[in-house]
Amino acid sequence: MKRSKQWDIKSAMVLAGAFHFLYSCGRGCLMPFLTLYLRHLGLSAYMVGIVMGTQHLICLIWHPLSSLLARHHDKRRVVIIGSLVCSAGLGLAFLLLPPSGDATGASICNSTSPLAPRPTTEPANSLPVSHVTVPPQTSPTGTPSQLKLTVPAQNLTGLATVGNAFTTIVQSSSESGEASATVSASVERRENYNKGAMNFSSNTKESVAPHRRAARFQRHAEVMKEEEAHYESLGSLNGMDAQHQLFFLVLIVIGLWEIAAAPLQWTADDGLYDYLDFVDATDRHGRVWMWRLLGGACGVFGVGLLVSNLDCFLFGGTSVPRGAVHFFGYALLMLVVVPEAAFLPLYLNRKQVLQRGGRTNNGVKALRLVRDDPRAILCAVTACLVGAASAAVEDFLPWQIQDGGGSELHVGTALGVALLSQVTFPPMLRSGRVLRILGPHGRILLLGAAARALQCLYYSFLRGPWAVLPAQALDCLSAGAFWWALEAQCEDVATPGTERAVRRVYQALALDLGAGLGSFAGGLVVQRFGIAVLFQGLSAGLGLWCVILGLLQWKVPRQRRINYSRLLAADASEVSDTESEQERDWLDKAIQEENSKNSNSHRNNSRQ
């Protein structure tokens, strides 16, 4: 007799949890800081908004299509492993993009350094400068040269700071054979220096040895040659300035990267659900989301702490900025997840697929169910608006923190606190007291939208990098309560077999469509009016919609479908005291009606 195959559900859930934890950790290393890196490259606000919005719209189309193709051809594991490897390689392609305009490696470092000074009224480029001419000296080639230093007129105490500055050297030869070098040094201070102007005179020759100065100049000249080579490659695109050339290159790279990375999430989620569905353990599928939040929190906080403690440039003073650590960490964790993906619990029942027709029509059914229910339409509009506001916050809140004097450490801590606060909401619901206070899920949805509006209003008045932490704790309501209310709405609207499809509809509206529109609009508003106006507008818009939503929920009647299959599968211990009696009454009435109909039909048949 053939021995039946044993299914180890606990080991499968542990492996799936570790997979999603590491994958979310890798995403947390890069995605929250991507807008900061694009800003440091020299892209403007509306360009960053277009880039991020394009990324969300690609996910809107490619998520369901890639999941359907992987399921139809039974290539889920190949798709997952290929997505991990390709996304790791394409993520590193961002490091090949040169900065545009005045965005250089030094500005990337100093603008995010917690010790770098911040301008109060004028930008650093508008500071007055002083020109100092050093007497002629002998150059390394033996010809007389003249050095002209252009430095900000600030209080300095030593020439050692000039060695840490980003120095531009331009050498030219005159007709008489004499060479002249112009050194433009833009010094970013790392500490407050004492008062007193520094006088560059003949003591310059005595303070710095000629051979050290020549070696330093040669090193900076090599760096500038590399950057000039990058600019020449950008200059091959005729009719555009360097900034727009870089913008189109970023669009191409991020499009290819998102095409490679997008199929993983839905494909892995569908494979795990089918696995648990085959062994009648789908109730455990909802536990995976906690590992995603914990992994994202660890990734965003860990990489923020690491980058903030690094030097300006990596690998012993090369031209690679420390912001590249985000991409290195992402690529490393994606490759670490590959062995786990090879053993990830996936299952596909071919007979069930043929019987059900592949579930190709579930998405259309879910859209019809949402369209036919007035309260479901209100939830869909709310999901789109809250998703747009959340995307705008995710894109430009790091800019607001950075403008207030923050670094990667502040950004990572703030986003980590937000993710951890989302974990705390579901345990609060288990006691039952929160539901009794807040009422039905319609009120909880309204509460989540109102909490997001309060967060946006608070962000517009930030006065320091650490001041963002109290508002981040509200993510327990603005994200945790909001998604719980959408889940409850899905259970009310969906018919047996369409629960996941309805849930995917709300996720696409919030995370893809709404997020894309929010990124597009947010970039334009920040470019035109500023970040503070963006947050104030989001707060006003969400507040107005909360008032309208409350009135409409009061007018629209609530219609709830009775899902008998869910009631039969529900465990008595997991049902709360307040809802158990009602659900038992519904089930008893349904059974009595069916018995009465059967008895009447038997009587009629017997009479005939």
Foldseek 3Di string as FASTA:
>chain_A
DDDDDDDDVVVLVVLLLVLLLLLLLLCLLAVLCPLVVVVLLPAALLLLLQLQLVLLQLLLPQQVVLLLVCQVVVPLLVLQLQLLQQLLVLLLVVLVQHRADPRALVCSQLLFALQWDADDPDDLVPADWDKDKEDWDAAPVGAIEIEIEIEGFDFDDDPVQQLVWQWDWDWDADPVGHIYIYIYTYGTDRHDDDDDTDHDYNCVCVVDPNVVVNVSVVVSVVQVVVSVVSVVVLPVDPPDHSNVSSSVVSSVSSSSSSSSNSHNPSSLLVFVCVLCVVVVRNVVSVVSVLSSLNSSLCNLQVSLVVLNPDDSAPDPDDRHGSSCVSSVSSSVSSVVSSVSSVVNRGDDDPVVCVVVVNCPCLLVVLVVLLVVAPVSVLLLVLLLLLLLLVLLCSSCLVVLQSSLSHHSNLSSVLVSLLSVLLSPQVVVCQVVPVCVVQPALLSLLLQLLLLSLVLLLQSLPDNHSNSSNVSSNSSNRVPNSNLVSQLVVLQFRDAPPNSVSNSVSSCSSRNRVSSSVSSSVSSVCCSVPRSSVSSNVSSVVSVVSSVVSVVVVVVRDDHGDQHVVVVVPDDPVSDDPVCPVVNVVVVVVVVVVVVVVVVVVVVVVVVD
